[in-house]
PDB file of all heavy atoms in Angstrom:
ATOM      1  N   ASP A   1      25.766  -2.023 -57.592  1.00  0.00           N
ATOM      2  CA  ASP A   1      26.572  -3.246 -57.557  1.00  0.00           C
ATOM      3  C   ASP A   1      26.858  -3.743 -58.971  1.00  0.00           C
ATOM      4  O   ASP A   1      27.990  -4.115 -59.295  1.00  0.00           O
ATOM      5  CB  ASP A   1      25.862  -4.355 -56.777  1.00  0.00           C
ATOM      6  CG  ASP A   1      25.920  -4.163 -55.280  1.00  0.00           C
ATOM      7  OD1 ASP A   1      26.646  -3.247 -54.821  1.00  0.00           O
ATOM      8  OD2 ASP A   1      25.248  -4.922 -54.566  1.00  0.00           O
ATOM      9  N   ILE A   2      25.837  -3.747 -59.802  1.00  0.00           N
ATOM     10  CA  ILE A   2      25.978  -4.223 -61.179  1.00  0.00           C
ATOM     11  C   ILE A   2      26.929  -3.312 -61.956  1.00  0.00           C
ATOM     12  O   ILE A   2      27.826  -3.785 -62.667  1.00  0.00           O
ATOM     13  CB  ILE A   2      24.600  -4.304 -61.867  1.00  0.00           C
ATOM     14  CG1 ILE A   2      23.778  -5.425 -61.235  1.00  0.00           C
ATOM     15  CG2 ILE A   2      24.743  -4.509 -63.376  1.00  0.00           C
ATOM     16  CD1 ILE A   2      22.306  -5.396 -61.596  1.00  0.00           C
ATOM     17  N   ARG A   3      26.764  -2.005 -61.804  1.00  0.00           N
ATOM     18  CA  ARG A   3      27.644  -1.059 -62.506  1.00  0.00           C
ATOM     19  C   ARG A   3      29.084  -1.187 -62.039  1.00  0.00           C
ATOM     20  O   ARG A   3      30.019  -1.187 -62.849  1.00  0.00           O
ATOM     21  CB  ARG A   3      27.161   0.375 -62.287  1.00  0.00           C
ATOM     22  CG  ARG A   3      25.942   0.710 -63.126  1.00  0.00           C
ATOM     23  CD  ARG A   3      25.587   2.157 -63.071  1.00  0.00           C
ATOM     24  NE  ARG A   3      26.705   2.974 -63.528  1.00  0.00           N
ATOM     25  CZ  ARG A   3      26.847   4.256 -63.221  1.00  0.00           C
ATOM     26  NH1 ARG A   3      25.971   4.865 -62.470  1.00  0.00           N
ATOM     27  NH2 ARG A   3      27.873   4.935 -63.675  1.00  0.00           N
ATOM     28  N   LEU A   4      29.280  -1.302 -60.720  1.00  0.00           N
ATOM     29  CA  LEU A   4      30.638  -1.418 -60.185  1.00  0.00           C
ATOM     30  C   LEU A   4      31.287  -2.718 -60.634  1.00  0.00           C
ATOM     31  O   LEU A   4      32.456  -2.730 -61.034  1.00  0.00           O
ATOM     32  CB  LEU A   4      30.619  -1.314 -58.658  1.00  0.00           C
ATOM     33  CG  LEU A   4      31.975  -1.362 -57.957  1.00  0.00           C
ATOM     34  CD1 LEU A   4      32.913  -0.288 -58.489  1.00  0.00           C
ATOM     35  CD2 LEU A   4      31.783  -1.214 -56.453  1.00  0.00           C
ATOM     36  N   ALA A   5      30.530  -3.808 -60.624  1.00  0.00           N
ATOM     37  CA  ALA A   5      31.072  -5.088 -61.095  1.00  0.00           C
ATOM     38  C   ALA A   5      31.460  -4.993 -62.569  1.00  0.00           C
ATOM     39  O   ALA A   5      32.504  -5.514 -62.981  1.00  0.00           O
ATOM     40  CB  ALA A   5      30.064  -6.213 -60.877  1.00  0.00           C
ATOM     41  N   GLY A   6      30.667  -4.313 -63.369  1.00  0.00           N
ATOM     42  CA  GLY A   6      30.985  -4.135 -64.790  1.00  0.00           C
ATOM     43  C   GLY A   6      32.240  -3.307 -64.996  1.00  0.00           C
ATOM     44  O   GLY A   6      33.099  -3.649 -65.820  1.00  0.00           O
ATOM     45  N   GLN A   7      32.354  -2.207 -64.267  1.00  0.00           N
ATOM     46  CA  GLN A   7      33.554  -1.368 -64.381  1.00  0.00           C
ATOM     47  C   GLN A   7      34.801  -2.131 -63.946  1.00  0.00           C
ATOM     48  O   GLN A   7      35.847  -2.052 -64.584  1.00  0.00           O
ATOM     49  CB  GLN A   7      33.405  -0.097 -63.527  1.00  0.00           C
ATOM     50  CG  GLN A   7      32.367   0.877 -64.026  1.00  0.00           C
ATOM     51  CD  GLN A   7      32.755   1.542 -65.328  1.00  0.00           C
ATOM     52  OE1 GLN A   7      33.922   1.671 -65.658  1.00  0.00           O
ATOM     53  NE2 GLN A   7      31.758   1.970 -66.082  1.00  0.00           N
ATOM     54  N   LEU A   8      34.682  -2.884 -62.847  1.00  0.00           N
ATOM     55  CA  LEU A   8      35.825  -3.652 -62.359  1.00  0.00           C
ATOM     56  C   LEU A   8      36.195  -4.782 -63.318  1.00  0.00           C
ATOM     57  O   LEU A   8      37.376  -5.095 -63.488  1.00  0.00           O
ATOM     58  CB  LEU A   8      35.549  -4.196 -60.959  1.00  0.00           C
ATOM     59  CG  LEU A   8      35.545  -3.156 -59.840  1.00  0.00           C
ATOM     60  CD1 LEU A   8      35.097  -3.788 -58.527  1.00  0.00           C
ATOM     61  CD2 LEU A   8      36.898  -2.490 -59.690  1.00  0.00           C
ATOM     62  N   THR A   9      35.202  -5.387 -63.949  1.00  0.00           N
ATOM     63  CA  THR A   9      35.488  -6.444 -64.922  1.00  0.00           C
ATOM     64  C   THR A   9      36.236  -5.875 -66.131  1.00  0.00           C
ATOM     65  O   THR A   9      37.188  -6.487 -66.635  1.00  0.00           O
ATOM     66  CB  THR A   9      34.185  -7.140 -65.366  1.00  0.00           C
ATOM     67  OG1 THR A   9      33.553  -7.702 -64.214  1.00  0.00           O
ATOM     68  CG2 THR A   9      34.448  -8.243 -66.375  1.00  0.00           C
ATOM     69  N   ALA A  10      35.831  -4.698 -66.589  1.00  0.00           N
ATOM     70  CA  ALA A  10      36.550  -4.049 -67.692  1.00  0.00           C
ATOM     71  C   ALA A  10      37.979  -3.709 -67.267  1.00  0.00           C
ATOM     72  O   ALA A  10      38.927  -3.916 -68.035  1.00  0.00           O
ATOM     73  CB  ALA A  10      35.804  -2.788 -68.129  1.00  0.00           C
ATOM     74  N   LEU A  11      38.146  -3.220 -66.032  1.00  0.00           N
ATOM     75  CA  LEU A  11      39.486  -2.922 -65.520  1.00  0.00           C
ATOM     76  C   LEU A  11      40.313  -4.198 -65.413  1.00  0.00           C
ATOM     77  O   LEU A  11      41.511  -4.198 -65.722  1.00  0.00           O
ATOM     78  CB  LEU A  11      39.383  -2.228 -64.159  1.00  0.00           C
ATOM     79  CG  LEU A  11      40.691  -1.869 -63.462  1.00  0.00           C
ATOM     80  CD1 LEU A  11      41.541  -0.938 -64.324  1.00  0.00           C
ATOM     81  CD2 LEU A  11      40.401  -1.240 -62.106  1.00  0.00           C
ATOM     82  N   LEU A  12      39.686  -5.284 -65.032  1.00  0.00           N
ATOM     83  CA  LEU A  12      40.379  -6.569 -64.938  1.00  0.00           C
ATOM     84  C   LEU A  12      40.897  -7.008 -66.310  1.00  0.00           C
ATOM     85  O   LEU A  12      42.024  -7.488 -66.429  1.00  0.00           O
ATOM     86  CB  LEU A  12      39.450  -7.632 -64.352  1.00  0.00           C
ATOM     87  CG  LEU A  12      39.980  -9.056 -64.283  1.00  0.00           C
ATOM     88  CD1 LEU A  12      41.198  -9.130 -63.372  1.00  0.00           C
ATOM     89  CD2 LEU A  12      38.887  -9.996 -63.799  1.00  0.00           C
ATOM     90  N   THR A  13      40.105  -6.829 -67.332  1.00  0.00           N
ATOM     91  CA  THR A  13      40.513  -7.214 -68.684  1.00  0.00           C
ATOM     92  C   THR A  13      41.744  -6.427 -69.124  1.00  0.00           C
ATOM     93  O   THR A  13      42.705  -7.001 -69.656  1.00  0.00           O
ATOM     94  CB  THR A  13      39.346  -6.977 -69.669  1.00  0.00           C
ATOM     95  OG1 THR A  13      38.230  -7.764 -69.253  1.00  0.00           O
ATOM     96  CG2 THR A  13      39.725  -7.366 -71.084  1.00  0.00           C
ATOM     97  N   VAL A  14      41.742  -5.130 -68.874  1.00  0.00           N
ATOM     98  CA  VAL A  14      42.888  -4.304 -69.257  1.00  0.00           C
ATOM     99  C   VAL A  14      44.103  -4.656 -68.396  1.00  0.00           C
ATOM    100  O   VAL A  14      45.230  -4.720 -68.893  1.00  0.00           O
ATOM    101  CB  VAL A  14      42.531  -2.806 -69.153  1.00  0.00           C
ATOM    102  CG1 VAL A  14      43.745  -1.933 -69.428  1.00  0.00           C
ATOM    103  CG2 VAL A  14      41.418  -2.462 -70.117  1.00  0.00           C
ATOM    104  N   THR A  15      43.890  -4.921 -67.112  1.00  0.00           N
ATOM    105  CA  THR A  15      44.990  -5.295 -66.221  1.00  0.00           C
ATOM    106  C   THR A  15      45.614  -6.612 -66.665  1.00  0.00           C
ATOM    107  O   THR A  15      46.841  -6.759 -66.664  1.00  0.00           O
ATOM    108  CB  THR A  15      44.492  -5.385 -64.764  1.00  0.00           C
ATOM    109  OG1 THR A  15      43.916  -4.134 -64.397  1.00  0.00           O
ATOM    110  CG2 THR A  15      45.619  -5.717 -63.807  1.00  0.00           C
ATOM    111  N   ASP A  16      44.779  -7.576 -67.057  1.00  0.00           N
ATOM    112  CA  ASP A  16      45.307  -8.841 -67.577  1.00  0.00           C
ATOM    113  C   ASP A  16      46.142  -8.624 -68.829  1.00  0.00           C
ATOM    114  O   ASP A  16      47.186  -9.255 -69.015  1.00  0.00           O
ATOM    115  CB  ASP A  16      44.166  -9.820 -67.874  1.00  0.00           C
ATOM    116  CG  ASP A  16      43.612 -10.498 -66.636  1.00  0.00           C
ATOM    117  OD1 ASP A  16      44.313 -10.504 -65.595  1.00  0.00           O
ATOM    118  OD2 ASP A  16      42.494 -11.033 -66.706  1.00  0.00           O
ATOM    119  N   GLU A  17      45.682  -7.733 -69.698  1.00  0.00           N
ATOM    120  CA  GLU A  17      46.424  -7.424 -70.930  1.00  0.00           C
ATOM    121  C   GLU A  17      47.773  -6.789 -70.591  1.00  0.00           C
ATOM    122  O   GLU A  17      48.807  -7.161 -71.157  1.00  0.00           O
ATOM    123  CB  GLU A  17      45.606  -6.479 -71.806  1.00  0.00           C
ATOM    124  CG  GLU A  17      46.279  -6.062 -73.074  1.00  0.00           C
ATOM    125  CD  GLU A  17      46.114  -7.054 -74.207  1.00  0.00           C
ATOM    126  OE1 GLU A  17      45.211  -7.895 -74.150  1.00  0.00           O
ATOM    127  OE2 GLU A  17      46.913  -6.982 -75.157  1.00  0.00           O
ATOM    128  N   LEU A  18      47.783  -5.851 -69.656  1.00  0.00           N
ATOM    129  CA  LEU A  18      49.037  -5.216 -69.255  1.00  0.00           C
ATOM    130  C   LEU A  18      49.973  -6.229 -68.582  1.00  0.00           C
ATOM    131  O   LEU A  18      51.191  -6.198 -68.784  1.00  0.00           O
ATOM    132  CB  LEU A  18      48.763  -4.037 -68.327  1.00  0.00           C
ATOM    133  CG  LEU A  18      48.183  -2.799 -69.002  1.00  0.00           C
ATOM    134  CD1 LEU A  18      47.664  -1.818 -67.960  1.00  0.00           C
ATOM    135  CD2 LEU A  18      49.220  -2.142 -69.894  1.00  0.00           C
ATOM    136  N   HIS A  19      49.409  -7.148 -67.803  1.00  0.00           N
ATOM    137  CA  HIS A  19      50.218  -8.187 -67.161  1.00  0.00           C
ATOM    138  C   HIS A  19      50.861  -9.082 -68.212  1.00  0.00           C
ATOM    139  O   HIS A  19      52.046  -9.429 -68.119  1.00  0.00           O
ATOM    140  CB  HIS A  19      49.365  -9.019 -66.202  1.00  0.00           C
ATOM    141  CG  HIS A  19      50.092 -10.188 -65.643  1.00  0.00           C
ATOM    142  ND1 HIS A  19      49.856 -11.472 -66.077  1.00  0.00           N
ATOM    143  CD2 HIS A  19      51.068 -10.274 -64.718  1.00  0.00           C
ATOM    144  CE1 HIS A  19      50.664 -12.298 -65.430  1.00  0.00           C
ATOM    145  NE2 HIS A  19      51.405 -11.592 -64.603  1.00  0.00           N
ATOM    146  N   ALA A  20      50.098  -9.470 -69.211  1.00  0.00           N
ATOM    147  CA  ALA A  20      50.638 -10.320 -70.280  1.00  0.00           C
ATOM    148  C   ALA A  20      51.780  -9.604 -71.004  1.00  0.00           C
ATOM    149  O   ALA A  20      52.794 -10.220 -71.336  1.00  0.00           O
ATOM    150  CB  ALA A  20      49.537 -10.698 -71.267  1.00  0.00           C
ATOM    151  N   ARG A  21      51.639  -8.302 -71.242  1.00  0.00           N
ATOM    152  CA  ARG A  21      52.699  -7.533 -71.895  1.00  0.00           C
ATOM    153  C   ARG A  21      53.946  -7.464 -71.025  1.00  0.00           C
ATOM    154  O   ARG A  21      55.058  -7.607 -71.515  1.00  0.00           O
ATOM    155  CB  ARG A  21      52.215  -6.117 -72.197  1.00  0.00           C
ATOM    156  CG  ARG A  21      51.234  -6.069 -73.300  1.00  0.00           C
ATOM    157  CD  ARG A  21      50.614  -4.678 -73.408  1.00  0.00           C
ATOM    158  NE  ARG A  21      49.791  -4.683 -74.573  1.00  0.00           N
ATOM    159  CZ  ARG A  21      50.248  -4.527 -75.813  1.00  0.00           C
ATOM    160  NH1 ARG A  21      51.513  -4.337 -76.034  1.00  0.00           N
ATOM    161  NH2 ARG A  21      49.435  -4.574 -76.830  1.00  0.00           N
ATOM    162  N   ALA A  22      53.758  -7.227 -69.726  1.00  0.00           N
ATOM    163  CA  ALA A  22      54.904  -7.146 -68.809  1.00  0.00           C
ATOM    164  C   ALA A  22      55.619  -8.491 -68.728  1.00  0.00           C
ATOM    165  O   ALA A  22      56.849  -8.546 -68.690  1.00  0.00           O
ATOM    166  CB  ALA A  22      54.437  -6.709 -67.418  1.00  0.00           C
ATOM    167  N   THR A  23      54.865  -9.567 -68.736  1.00  0.00           N
ATOM    168  CA  THR A  23      55.444 -10.906 -68.687  1.00  0.00           C
ATOM    169  C   THR A  23      56.211 -11.201 -69.973  1.00  0.00           C
ATOM    170  O   THR A  23      57.318 -11.728 -69.942  1.00  0.00           O
ATOM    171  CB  THR A  23      54.337 -11.955 -68.469  1.00  0.00           C
ATOM    172  OG1 THR A  23      53.665 -11.642 -67.257  1.00  0.00           O
ATOM    173  CG2 THR A  23      54.906 -13.343 -68.381  1.00  0.00           C
ATOM    174  N   ARG A  24      55.617 -10.836 -71.117  1.00  0.00           N
ATOM    175  CA  ARG A  24      56.276 -11.038 -72.410  1.00  0.00           C
ATOM    176  C   ARG A  24      57.564 -10.227 -72.491  1.00  0.00           C
ATOM    177  O   ARG A  24      58.588 -10.715 -72.954  1.00  0.00           O
ATOM    178  CB  ARG A  24      55.328 -10.592 -73.527  1.00  0.00           C
ATOM    179  CG  ARG A  24      55.041 -11.645 -74.522  1.00  0.00           C
ATOM    180  CD  ARG A  24      54.220 -11.187 -75.714  1.00  0.00           C
ATOM    181  NE  ARG A  24      53.504  -9.931 -75.612  1.00  0.00           N
ATOM    182  CZ  ARG A  24      52.177  -9.830 -75.572  1.00  0.00           C
ATOM    183  NH1 ARG A  24      51.423 -10.902 -75.588  1.00  0.00           N
ATOM    184  NH2 ARG A  24      51.601  -8.655 -75.515  1.00  0.00           N
TER     185      ARG A  24
END
């Protein structure tokens, strides 16, 4: 659970960055 939450949190950070770029 801890490992999966960590991997998903890292994926969330990159997804947010890609979203910000697409919005810009």
